[in-house]
Amino acid sequence: MVDTSKIREHMPVVGSDDGHVGTVDHLDGQRIKLTRTDPEAEGRHHFLHVDSIDAVEDGKVKLNRTCAQAKDEWGTAE
């Protein structure tokens, strides 16, 4: 299990392919809430479950799935 206490606001979130998924807004329970102002967000908040995280290192949240897979799986909120 990843130490989620290392996750900070405004950290980039990248897929296992280093593709940009989003930017951390904050942790919301067992989910990462991504900013809605990120170009990938299309004006909506998106959520990723912490089980998607492979590591928090080099100032980034790195996922255990590709950018495209993460975007297929994320939940949204207006």
N, C-alpha and C. Protein backbone atom coordinates (compact mmCIF):
# COMPACT_ATOMS: atom_id res chain seq x y z
N MET A 1 0.85 -1.19 0.00
CA MET A 1 0.00 0.00 0.00
C MET A 1 0.89 1.25 0.00
N VAL A 2 0.52 2.21 -0.77
CA VAL A 2 1.27 3.45 -0.91
C VAL A 2 0.97 4.37 0.29
N ASP A 3 1.97 5.11 0.74
CA ASP A 3 1.80 6.07 1.81
C ASP A 3 1.15 7.33 1.24
N THR A 4 -0.16 7.45 1.41
CA THR A 4 -0.89 8.57 0.83
C THR A 4 -0.60 9.89 1.53
N SER A 5 0.05 9.85 2.68
CA SER A 5 0.40 11.10 3.37
C SER A 5 1.44 11.90 2.59
N LYS A 6 2.08 11.28 1.62
CA LYS A 6 3.07 11.96 0.78
C LYS A 6 2.43 12.76 -0.36
N ILE A 7 1.14 12.54 -0.59
CA ILE A 7 0.44 13.23 -1.67
C ILE A 7 0.13 14.66 -1.25
N ARG A 8 0.49 15.60 -2.10
CA ARG A 8 0.30 17.03 -1.83
C ARG A 8 -0.54 17.66 -2.93
N GLU A 9 -1.21 18.75 -2.58
CA GLU A 9 -1.97 19.51 -3.56
C GLU A 9 -1.05 19.96 -4.68
N HIS A 10 -1.59 19.97 -5.88
CA HIS A 10 -0.92 20.45 -7.09
C HIS A 10 0.18 19.53 -7.61
N MET A 11 0.28 18.31 -7.06
CA MET A 11 1.23 17.34 -7.63
C MET A 11 0.66 16.83 -8.95
N PRO A 12 1.51 16.66 -9.96
CA PRO A 12 1.04 16.04 -11.18
C PRO A 12 0.76 14.56 -10.97
N VAL A 13 -0.24 14.05 -11.67
CA VAL A 13 -0.57 12.62 -11.64
C VAL A 13 -0.27 12.08 -13.03
N VAL A 14 0.57 11.05 -13.10
CA VAL A 14 0.97 10.48 -14.39
C VAL A 14 0.68 8.99 -14.44
N GLY A 15 0.42 8.51 -15.64
CA GLY A 15 0.21 7.09 -15.85
C GLY A 15 1.52 6.33 -15.89
N SER A 16 1.43 5.01 -15.96
CA SER A 16 2.62 4.17 -16.03
C SER A 16 3.41 4.43 -17.30
N ASP A 17 2.76 5.06 -18.29
CA ASP A 17 3.41 5.43 -19.55
C ASP A 17 3.93 6.87 -19.51
N ASP A 18 3.92 7.49 -18.32
CA ASP A 18 4.32 8.88 -18.08
C ASP A 18 3.40 9.90 -18.72
N GLY A 19 2.24 9.49 -19.19
CA GLY A 19 1.26 10.42 -19.73
C GLY A 19 0.57 11.19 -18.62
N HIS A 20 0.32 12.48 -18.85
CA HIS A 20 -0.31 13.34 -17.85
C HIS A 20 -1.79 12.97 -17.70
N VAL A 21 -2.18 12.64 -16.47
CA VAL A 21 -3.57 12.31 -16.17
C VAL A 21 -4.29 13.51 -15.57
N GLY A 22 -3.61 14.23 -14.68
CA GLY A 22 -4.24 15.37 -14.03
C GLY A 22 -3.34 15.94 -12.97
N THR A 23 -3.94 16.79 -12.12
CA THR A 23 -3.24 17.46 -11.03
C THR A 23 -4.05 17.27 -9.76
N VAL A 24 -3.38 16.92 -8.67
CA VAL A 24 -4.06 16.67 -7.39
C VAL A 24 -4.70 17.95 -6.87
N ASP A 25 -5.98 17.86 -6.56
CA ASP A 25 -6.68 18.92 -5.82
C ASP A 25 -6.50 18.60 -4.33
N HIS A 26 -6.94 17.40 -3.92
CA HIS A 26 -6.73 16.91 -2.55
C HIS A 26 -7.17 15.46 -2.45
N LEU A 27 -6.85 14.84 -1.31
CA LEU A 27 -7.35 13.50 -1.03
C LEU A 27 -8.76 13.62 -0.48
N ASP A 28 -9.62 12.73 -0.94
CA ASP A 28 -11.02 12.70 -0.51
C ASP A 28 -11.31 11.27 -0.08
N GLY A 29 -10.96 10.94 1.17
CA GLY A 29 -11.09 9.57 1.64
C GLY A 29 -10.09 8.67 0.93
N GLN A 30 -10.59 7.67 0.23
CA GLN A 30 -9.74 6.72 -0.50
C GLN A 30 -9.63 7.09 -1.98
N ARG A 31 -9.89 8.34 -2.29
CA ARG A 31 -9.80 8.80 -3.67
C ARG A 31 -8.95 10.05 -3.77
N ILE A 32 -8.31 10.22 -4.91
CA ILE A 32 -7.63 11.47 -5.22
C ILE A 32 -8.60 12.30 -6.04
N LYS A 33 -8.86 13.51 -5.58
CA LYS A 33 -9.68 14.43 -6.35
C LYS A 33 -8.74 15.26 -7.20
N LEU A 34 -8.95 15.29 -8.49
CA LEU A 34 -8.11 16.05 -9.41
C LEU A 34 -8.73 17.43 -9.66
N THR A 35 -7.87 18.41 -9.93
CA THR A 35 -8.36 19.76 -10.18
C THR A 35 -9.21 19.80 -11.44
N ARG A 36 -10.18 20.66 -11.44
CA ARG A 36 -11.03 20.80 -12.63
C ARG A 36 -10.46 21.83 -13.60
N THR A 37 -9.44 22.56 -13.18
CA THR A 37 -8.83 23.57 -14.05
C THR A 37 -7.71 22.99 -14.92
N ASP A 38 -7.35 21.74 -14.71
CA ASP A 38 -6.33 21.09 -15.52
C ASP A 38 -6.85 20.95 -16.95
N PRO A 39 -6.00 21.11 -17.95
CA PRO A 39 -6.47 20.99 -19.34
C PRO A 39 -7.16 19.65 -19.66
N GLU A 40 -6.77 18.58 -18.97
CA GLU A 40 -7.38 17.27 -19.21
C GLU A 40 -8.77 17.13 -18.58
N ALA A 41 -9.11 18.01 -17.66
CA ALA A 41 -10.31 17.86 -16.84
C ALA A 41 -11.60 18.32 -17.51
N GLU A 42 -11.51 19.15 -18.52
CA GLU A 42 -12.68 19.66 -19.21
C GLU A 42 -13.67 20.34 -18.25
N GLY A 43 -13.12 21.04 -17.25
CA GLY A 43 -13.96 21.81 -16.34
C GLY A 43 -14.66 21.02 -15.25
N ARG A 44 -14.31 19.74 -15.08
CA ARG A 44 -14.95 18.91 -14.06
C ARG A 44 -13.89 18.26 -13.18
N HIS A 45 -14.25 18.06 -11.92
CA HIS A 45 -13.37 17.30 -11.03
C HIS A 45 -13.46 15.82 -11.41
N HIS A 46 -12.33 15.14 -11.36
CA HIS A 46 -12.28 13.70 -11.60
C HIS A 46 -11.67 13.05 -10.37
N PHE A 47 -11.99 11.78 -10.17
CA PHE A 47 -11.52 11.05 -9.00
C PHE A 47 -10.85 9.75 -9.42
N LEU A 48 -9.77 9.42 -8.73
CA LEU A 48 -9.08 8.14 -8.92
C LEU A 48 -8.94 7.48 -7.56
N HIS A 49 -9.19 6.18 -7.50
CA HIS A 49 -9.05 5.46 -6.23
C HIS A 49 -7.58 5.29 -5.91
N VAL A 50 -7.24 5.32 -4.63
CA VAL A 50 -5.84 5.20 -4.24
C VAL A 50 -5.23 3.86 -4.62
N ASP A 51 -6.04 2.85 -4.90
CA ASP A 51 -5.52 1.57 -5.37
C ASP A 51 -4.84 1.70 -6.74
N SER A 52 -5.10 2.80 -7.44
CA SER A 52 -4.49 3.06 -8.75
C SER A 52 -3.05 3.55 -8.63
N ILE A 53 -2.62 3.91 -7.43
CA ILE A 53 -1.30 4.52 -7.24
C ILE A 53 -0.23 3.45 -7.13
N ASP A 54 0.82 3.62 -7.92
CA ASP A 54 1.99 2.74 -7.84
C ASP A 54 3.02 3.33 -6.88
N ALA A 55 3.24 4.65 -6.95
CA ALA A 55 4.25 5.29 -6.11
C ALA A 55 4.00 6.80 -6.06
N VAL A 56 4.52 7.40 -5.01
CA VAL A 56 4.56 8.85 -4.90
C VAL A 56 6.04 9.19 -4.78
N GLU A 57 6.61 9.68 -5.89
CA GLU A 57 8.05 9.95 -5.91
C GLU A 57 8.37 11.00 -6.95
N ASP A 58 9.51 11.63 -6.78
CA ASP A 58 9.97 12.67 -7.71
C ASP A 58 8.94 13.78 -7.88
N GLY A 59 8.16 14.05 -6.83
CA GLY A 59 7.17 15.12 -6.89
C GLY A 59 5.95 14.79 -7.71
N LYS A 60 5.73 13.49 -8.00
CA LYS A 60 4.60 13.07 -8.82
C LYS A 60 3.87 11.90 -8.18
N VAL A 61 2.59 11.77 -8.51
CA VAL A 61 1.82 10.58 -8.18
C VAL A 61 1.86 9.71 -9.43
N LYS A 62 2.47 8.54 -9.31
CA LYS A 62 2.60 7.64 -10.46
C LYS A 62 1.60 6.50 -10.31
N LEU A 63 0.84 6.28 -11.37
CA LEU A 63 -0.21 5.26 -11.34
C LEU A 63 0.30 3.92 -11.84
N ASN A 64 -0.45 2.87 -11.52
CA ASN A 64 -0.12 1.53 -11.97
C ASN A 64 -0.90 1.15 -13.23
N ARG A 65 -1.35 2.12 -13.95
CA ARG A 65 -2.07 1.93 -15.21
C ARG A 65 -1.69 3.09 -16.13
N THR A 66 -1.92 2.91 -17.40
CA THR A 66 -1.57 3.95 -18.36
C THR A 66 -2.50 5.16 -18.20
N CYS A 67 -2.11 6.24 -18.82
CA CYS A 67 -2.92 7.45 -18.81
C CYS A 67 -4.32 7.16 -19.37
N ALA A 68 -4.38 6.47 -20.49
CA ALA A 68 -5.67 6.16 -21.13
C ALA A 68 -6.53 5.27 -20.23
N GLN A 69 -5.92 4.27 -19.59
CA GLN A 69 -6.68 3.41 -18.68
C GLN A 69 -7.23 4.20 -17.51
N ALA A 70 -6.43 5.09 -16.94
CA ALA A 70 -6.88 5.90 -15.81
C ALA A 70 -8.07 6.76 -16.20
N LYS A 71 -8.00 7.36 -17.37
CA LYS A 71 -9.09 8.23 -17.83
C LYS A 71 -10.36 7.42 -18.12
N ASP A 72 -10.20 6.18 -18.54
CA ASP A 72 -11.37 5.31 -18.75
C ASP A 72 -12.05 4.96 -17.44
N GLU A 73 -11.26 4.94 -16.35
CA GLU A 73 -11.77 4.47 -15.06
C GLU A 73 -12.19 5.60 -14.11
N TRP A 74 -11.76 6.84 -14.37
CA TRP A 74 -12.01 7.87 -13.36
C TRP A 74 -13.48 8.22 -13.25
N GLY A 75 -13.87 8.61 -12.04
CA GLY A 75 -15.21 9.10 -11.79
C GLY A 75 -15.22 10.60 -11.94
N THR A 76 -16.39 11.19 -12.16
CA THR A 76 -16.47 12.64 -12.35
C THR A 76 -17.45 13.27 -11.37
N ALA A 77 -17.28 14.57 -11.20
CA ALA A 77 -18.21 15.37 -10.41
C ALA A 77 -18.23 16.76 -11.04
N GLU A 78 -19.37 17.35 -11.13
CA GLU A 78 -19.51 18.69 -11.72
C GLU A 78 -18.99 19.73 -10.78
